[in-house]
């Protein structure tokens, strides 16, 4: 999370950088190649394993698949029904997605898993993009690969539960919130619209829980960020001397935005702490008077 790997906008991420991060890891197009690697690995695992689970034998699988099939056959896409009885316990979007897949590919068990598999691949890609924007290309690559090869994610996508889709909407909502609050973002309105769209999609997937988690995390993040910003600015003002002078420039509003400052704060405080420890080590010991 150093200044070499921190990029405020996607356009800078696509270009090169100076310092130890330059070279093959910062060449133009490296970000696109990293994202392609993440997508290919995730697709190989999750799309390639769509037919690996048994048939829709679990009660969750069978219920959701049958409700989607009833929607397709009856033409009633408003009210979910199971054995002719209205089934209003769950939000309808997952039934709609499975029904669309049935309409295109037919009522097969692997067709019911297509929306879940593609949502998982998309989640890995969004995770990579989010991490690339915040911490640099290499972190984005490893974050996406870690998500794609997570054993928990693999196990919980063997059955037709919409949790991975909900995770995708929450991730997009939080990333959009961060982008909308970034002072250097040139299209904050578009990111705000994407955030509301993600929240609305989550509501159609899982209900109010799709609003609770992003709202709580977003509020906590904004409050923590504001306090950390104030503390960091005070620290920099009081300790701005010698090697600490570059951190005084870091908090200058004319040179860097608060969002970029938060990305570089970790590296700054680490270097500053090392300088302070070294300075204290070179000071002569103060004699203690004998009692």
Protein backbone atom coordinates (compact mmCIF):
# COMPACT_ATOMS: atom_id res chain seq x y z
CA UNK A 1 0.00 0.00 0.00
CA UNK A 2 2.84 2.35 -0.78
CA UNK A 3 2.87 5.49 -2.84
CA UNK A 4 4.26 3.55 -5.79
CA UNK A 5 1.26 1.24 -6.04
CA UNK A 6 -1.46 3.75 -5.11
CA UNK A 7 -3.39 5.17 -8.05
CA UNK A 8 -6.26 7.66 -7.61
CA UNK A 9 -8.12 6.89 -10.82
CA UNK A 10 -8.36 4.07 -13.32
CA UNK A 11 -6.60 6.08 -16.02
CA UNK A 12 -3.46 6.34 -13.89
CA UNK A 13 -3.68 2.67 -13.06
CA UNK A 14 -3.59 1.82 -16.73
CA UNK A 15 -0.32 3.74 -17.23
CA UNK A 16 3.19 3.25 -15.94
CA UNK A 17 4.75 4.49 -12.73
CA UNK A 18 8.21 5.30 -11.51
CA UNK A 19 10.24 3.70 -8.78
CA UNK A 20 10.48 0.10 -7.76
CA UNK A 21 6.94 -0.59 -8.98
CA UNK A 22 7.90 0.18 -12.58
CA UNK A 23 8.66 -2.41 -15.20
CA UNK A 24 6.58 -5.37 -16.22
CA UNK A 25 4.19 -4.87 -13.29
CA UNK A 26 3.43 -1.27 -14.31
CA UNK A 27 3.45 -1.61 -18.08
CA UNK A 28 0.42 -0.28 -19.96
CA UNK A 29 -2.19 -3.00 -20.15
CA UNK A 30 -0.88 -4.87 -17.09
CA UNK A 31 -4.07 -4.08 -15.20
CA UNK A 32 -6.19 -5.55 -18.01
CA UNK A 33 -4.01 -8.67 -18.14
CA UNK A 34 -4.32 -9.17 -14.38
CA UNK A 35 -8.10 -8.84 -14.56
CA UNK A 36 -8.22 -11.31 -17.44
CA UNK A 37 -6.22 -13.81 -15.37
CA UNK A 38 -8.68 -13.45 -12.48
CA UNK A 39 -11.69 -13.90 -14.76
CA UNK A 40 -10.21 -16.96 -16.49
CA UNK A 41 -9.30 -18.68 -13.21
CA UNK A 42 -12.71 -17.96 -11.71
CA UNK A 43 -14.52 -19.10 -14.85
CA UNK A 44 -12.48 -22.30 -15.00
CA UNK A 45 -13.42 -23.14 -11.42
CA UNK A 46 -17.05 -22.06 -11.18
CA UNK A 47 -18.36 -22.27 -14.74
CA UNK A 48 -16.44 -25.47 -15.36
CA UNK A 49 -17.91 -27.03 -12.22
CA UNK A 50 -21.55 -26.16 -12.91
CA UNK A 51 -22.27 -29.81 -13.66
CA UNK A 52 -20.19 -31.19 -10.79
CA UNK A 53 -22.86 -31.10 -8.03
CA UNK A 54 -25.56 -33.80 -8.12
CA UNK A 55 -28.96 -33.06 -9.59
CA UNK A 56 -31.29 -30.64 -7.82
CA UNK A 57 -31.81 -33.05 -4.97
CA UNK A 58 -31.42 -30.63 -2.05
CA UNK A 59 -34.62 -29.03 -0.83
CA UNK A 60 -33.27 -25.53 -1.50
CA UNK A 61 -32.19 -26.44 -5.03
CA UNK A 62 -35.43 -28.23 -5.83
CA UNK A 63 -37.67 -25.48 -4.42
CA UNK A 64 -35.96 -22.65 -6.26
CA UNK A 65 -35.66 -24.58 -9.50
CA UNK A 66 -39.31 -25.63 -9.43
CA UNK A 67 -40.55 -22.11 -8.61
CA UNK A 68 -38.58 -20.73 -11.54
CA UNK A 69 -39.99 -23.43 -13.81
CA UNK A 70 -43.54 -22.65 -12.64
CA UNK A 71 -43.00 -18.99 -13.47
CA UNK A 72 -41.85 -19.88 -16.94
CA UNK A 73 -44.71 -22.27 -17.60
CA UNK A 74 -47.52 -20.17 -16.11
CA UNK A 75 -46.31 -16.79 -17.33
CA UNK A 76 -46.86 -15.34 -13.84
CA UNK A 77 -43.56 -13.66 -13.00
CA UNK A 78 -44.99 -11.67 -10.10
CA UNK A 79 -46.10 -14.32 -7.59
CA UNK A 80 -43.79 -17.23 -6.83
CA UNK A 81 -45.75 -20.47 -6.47
CA UNK A 82 -44.81 -23.96 -5.31
CA UNK A 83 -47.33 -26.76 -5.88
CA UNK A 84 -49.94 -24.13 -6.64
CA UNK A 85 -49.42 -22.34 -3.30
CA UNK A 86 -48.07 -18.79 -3.17
CA UNK A 87 -44.46 -18.85 -1.93
CA UNK A 88 -43.75 -15.34 -0.67
CA UNK A 89 -40.99 -16.09 1.81
CA UNK A 90 -38.12 -15.02 -0.42
CA UNK A 91 -37.32 -12.14 -2.76
CA UNK A 92 -38.04 -12.93 -6.42
CA UNK A 93 -34.94 -11.91 -8.35
CA UNK A 94 -33.19 -15.28 -8.06
CA UNK A 95 -36.31 -17.00 -9.44
CA UNK A 96 -36.40 -14.59 -12.36
CA UNK A 97 -32.74 -15.25 -13.20
CA UNK A 98 -33.19 -19.02 -13.10
CA UNK A 99 -36.39 -18.77 -15.16
CA UNK A 100 -34.56 -16.72 -17.82
CA UNK A 101 -31.82 -19.37 -17.89
CA UNK A 102 -34.46 -22.08 -18.30
CA UNK A 103 -36.04 -20.12 -21.15
CA UNK A 104 -32.71 -19.91 -22.98
CA UNK A 105 -31.13 -23.30 -22.26
CA UNK A 106 -34.03 -25.46 -21.12
CA UNK A 107 -35.11 -26.77 -17.68
CA UNK A 108 -31.88 -28.55 -16.78
CA UNK A 109 -30.09 -28.65 -13.45
CA UNK A 110 -26.92 -27.07 -14.88
CA UNK A 111 -28.99 -24.29 -16.43
CA UNK A 112 -30.34 -23.43 -12.99
CA UNK A 113 -26.75 -22.89 -11.79
CA UNK A 114 -25.73 -20.54 -14.61
CA UNK A 115 -26.78 -17.28 -12.85
CA UNK A 116 -24.95 -18.34 -9.69
CA UNK A 117 -21.78 -19.31 -11.56
CA UNK A 118 -21.61 -16.06 -13.53
CA UNK A 119 -22.33 -14.03 -10.39
CA UNK A 120 -19.39 -15.72 -8.68
CA UNK A 121 -17.05 -14.91 -11.56
CA UNK A 122 -18.28 -11.33 -11.51
CA UNK A 123 -17.67 -11.12 -7.76
CA UNK A 124 -14.04 -12.20 -8.25
CA UNK A 125 -13.59 -9.58 -10.97
CA UNK A 126 -15.17 -6.79 -8.88
CA UNK A 127 -12.97 -7.73 -5.94
CA UNK A 128 -9.91 -7.47 -8.16
CA UNK A 129 -11.01 -4.11 -9.53
CA UNK A 130 -11.79 -2.75 -6.07
CA UNK A 131 -8.40 -3.79 -4.69
CA UNK A 132 -6.58 -2.49 -7.79
CA UNK A 133 -8.18 0.91 -7.41
CA UNK A 134 -7.40 1.12 -3.70
CA UNK A 135 -3.99 -0.53 -3.39
CA UNK A 136 -2.49 -1.16 -6.82
CA UNK A 137 -2.50 -3.73 -9.64
CA UNK A 138 -0.61 -6.52 -7.93
CA UNK A 139 -2.82 -6.38 -4.85
CA UNK A 140 -5.84 -6.49 -7.15
CA UNK A 141 -4.48 -9.60 -8.88
CA UNK A 142 -3.86 -11.48 -5.65
CA UNK A 143 -7.17 -10.36 -4.16
CA UNK A 144 -9.11 -11.64 -7.15
CA UNK A 145 -7.21 -14.94 -7.17
CA UNK A 146 -7.72 -15.37 -3.42
CA UNK A 147 -11.45 -14.90 -3.89
CA UNK A 148 -11.59 -17.25 -6.87
CA UNK A 149 -9.73 -20.03 -5.05
CA UNK A 150 -11.52 -19.65 -1.72
CA UNK A 151 -12.76 -23.03 -0.54
CA UNK A 152 -15.67 -21.43 1.31
CA UNK A 153 -16.87 -19.66 -1.81
CA UNK A 154 -16.65 -22.91 -3.75
CA UNK A 155 -18.56 -24.95 -1.18
CA UNK A 156 -21.37 -22.45 -0.73
CA UNK A 157 -21.94 -22.17 -4.48
CA UNK A 158 -22.65 -25.88 -4.83
CA UNK A 159 -26.28 -25.24 -3.88
CA UNK A 160 -28.72 -22.64 -5.20
CA UNK A 161 -28.55 -20.03 -2.47
CA UNK A 162 -28.26 -16.36 -3.46
CA UNK A 163 -25.63 -15.43 -0.86
CA UNK A 164 -22.85 -14.98 -3.40
CA UNK A 165 -25.13 -12.68 -5.42
CA UNK A 166 -25.86 -10.69 -2.28
CA UNK A 167 -22.11 -10.45 -1.59
CA UNK A 168 -21.64 -9.13 -5.10
CA UNK A 169 -24.24 -6.37 -4.64
CA UNK A 170 -22.77 -5.36 -1.26
CA UNK A 171 -19.25 -5.23 -2.72
CA UNK A 172 -20.38 -3.10 -5.65
CA UNK A 173 -22.33 -0.79 -3.31
CA UNK A 174 -19.33 -0.23 -1.01
CA UNK A 175 -16.92 0.29 -3.91
CA UNK A 176 -19.34 2.75 -5.51
CA UNK A 177 -19.64 4.62 -2.21
CA UNK A 178 -15.85 4.94 -1.98
CA UNK A 179 -15.63 6.16 -5.57
CA UNK A 180 -18.45 8.65 -5.11
CA UNK A 181 -16.69 10.12 -2.04
CA UNK A 182 -13.31 10.36 -3.76
CA UNK A 183 -12.42 14.01 -4.39
CA UNK A 184 -10.48 13.04 -7.52
CA UNK A 185 -13.30 11.01 -9.06
CA UNK A 186 -14.53 12.71 -12.22
CA UNK A 187 -17.91 10.93 -12.31
CA UNK A 188 -19.13 10.75 -8.71
CA UNK A 189 -22.76 10.97 -9.82
CA UNK A 190 -22.44 7.84 -11.97
CA UNK A 191 -20.89 5.92 -9.08
CA UNK A 192 -23.66 7.10 -6.76
CA UNK A 193 -26.23 5.81 -9.24
CA UNK A 194 -24.40 2.48 -9.40
CA UNK A 195 -24.46 2.28 -5.60
CA UNK A 196 -28.24 2.76 -5.48
CA UNK A 197 -28.68 0.23 -8.30
CA UNK A 198 -26.61 -2.32 -6.37
CA UNK A 199 -28.65 -1.72 -3.21
CA UNK A 200 -31.89 -2.13 -5.13
CA UNK A 201 -30.65 -5.35 -6.71
CA UNK A 202 -29.72 -6.65 -3.28
CA UNK A 203 -33.21 -5.87 -2.02
CA UNK A 204 -34.69 -8.00 -4.79
CA UNK A 205 -32.29 -10.80 -3.88
CA UNK A 206 -32.40 -11.00 -0.09
CA UNK A 207 -34.57 -8.23 1.34
CA UNK A 208 -33.59 -5.54 3.83
CA UNK A 209 -30.36 -7.27 4.80
CA UNK A 210 -28.94 -5.95 1.53
CA UNK A 211 -29.35 -2.42 2.93
CA UNK A 212 -28.32 -3.07 6.53
CA UNK A 213 -24.80 -4.33 5.87
CA UNK A 214 -23.71 -1.66 3.34
CA UNK A 215 -25.28 1.13 5.42
CA UNK A 216 -23.59 -0.03 8.62
CA UNK A 217 -20.21 -0.58 6.96
CA UNK A 218 -20.44 2.68 5.04
CA UNK A 219 -21.36 4.73 8.13
CA UNK A 220 -18.58 3.13 10.18
CA UNK A 221 -16.09 3.71 7.37
CA UNK A 222 -17.01 7.38 6.93
CA UNK A 223 -16.81 8.06 10.68
CA UNK A 224 -13.51 6.20 11.05
CA UNK A 225 -12.08 7.90 7.98
CA UNK A 226 -12.98 11.37 9.26
CA UNK A 227 -11.37 10.73 12.65
CA UNK A 228 -8.29 9.13 11.10
CA UNK A 229 -7.92 12.05 8.72
CA UNK A 230 -8.05 14.58 11.54
CA UNK A 231 -5.58 12.60 13.66
CA UNK A 232 -3.21 12.14 10.74
CA UNK A 233 -3.26 15.82 9.87
CA UNK A 234 -2.52 16.74 13.48
CA UNK A 235 0.30 14.23 13.61
CA UNK A 236 1.82 15.49 10.39
CA UNK A 237 1.59 19.11 11.48
CA UNK A 238 3.32 18.45 14.80
CA UNK A 239 6.00 16.09 13.47
CA UNK A 240 6.74 17.76 10.09
CA UNK A 241 10.55 17.93 10.15
CA UNK A 242 13.37 16.23 8.26
CA UNK A 243 12.12 13.08 6.56
CA UNK A 244 8.69 13.84 7.88
CA UNK A 245 8.45 16.85 5.57
CA UNK A 246 7.10 14.75 2.70
CA UNK A 247 4.17 13.75 4.90
CA UNK A 248 3.38 17.40 5.46
CA UNK A 249 2.97 17.60 1.69
CA UNK A 250 0.80 14.49 1.87
CA UNK A 251 -1.91 16.24 3.82
CA UNK A 252 -1.79 19.40 1.72
CA UNK A 253 -5.20 19.79 0.11
CA UNK A 254 -3.65 21.40 -2.96
CA UNK A 255 -1.53 18.34 -3.74
CA UNK A 256 -3.48 15.25 -2.67
CA UNK A 257 -7.07 14.38 -1.95
CA UNK A 258 -8.20 12.96 1.39
CA UNK A 259 -9.06 9.63 -0.26
CA UNK A 260 -5.56 9.30 -1.70
CA UNK A 261 -4.11 10.35 1.65
CA UNK A 262 -5.92 7.46 3.34
CA UNK A 263 -4.42 5.00 0.83
CA UNK A 264 -0.88 6.26 1.56
CA UNK A 265 -1.30 6.82 5.29
CA UNK A 266 -0.17 3.30 6.18
CA UNK A 267 3.11 3.62 4.28
CA UNK A 268 3.63 7.14 5.61
CA UNK A 269 3.12 6.27 9.23
CA UNK A 270 5.37 3.23 8.87
CA UNK A 271 8.26 5.26 7.44
CA UNK A 272 7.69 8.06 9.93
CA UNK A 273 7.68 5.67 12.87
CA UNK A 274 10.95 4.17 11.72
CA UNK A 275 12.53 7.62 11.46
CA UNK A 276 11.35 8.52 14.96
CA UNK A 277 12.73 5.28 16.43
CA UNK A 278 16.07 5.89 14.77
CA UNK A 279 16.23 9.44 16.08
CA UNK A 280 15.44 8.32 19.60
CA UNK A 281 18.10 5.60 19.44
CA UNK A 282 20.83 8.17 18.61
CA UNK A 283 19.99 10.45 21.55
CA UNK A 284 22.34 10.13 24.56
CA UNK A 285 20.92 8.51 27.65
CA UNK A 286 19.85 10.85 30.41
CA UNK A 287 21.58 10.02 33.70
CA UNK A 288 19.29 9.16 36.57
CA UNK A 289 20.30 10.75 39.90
CA UNK A 290 21.03 8.33 42.71
CA UNK A 291 18.51 8.30 45.56
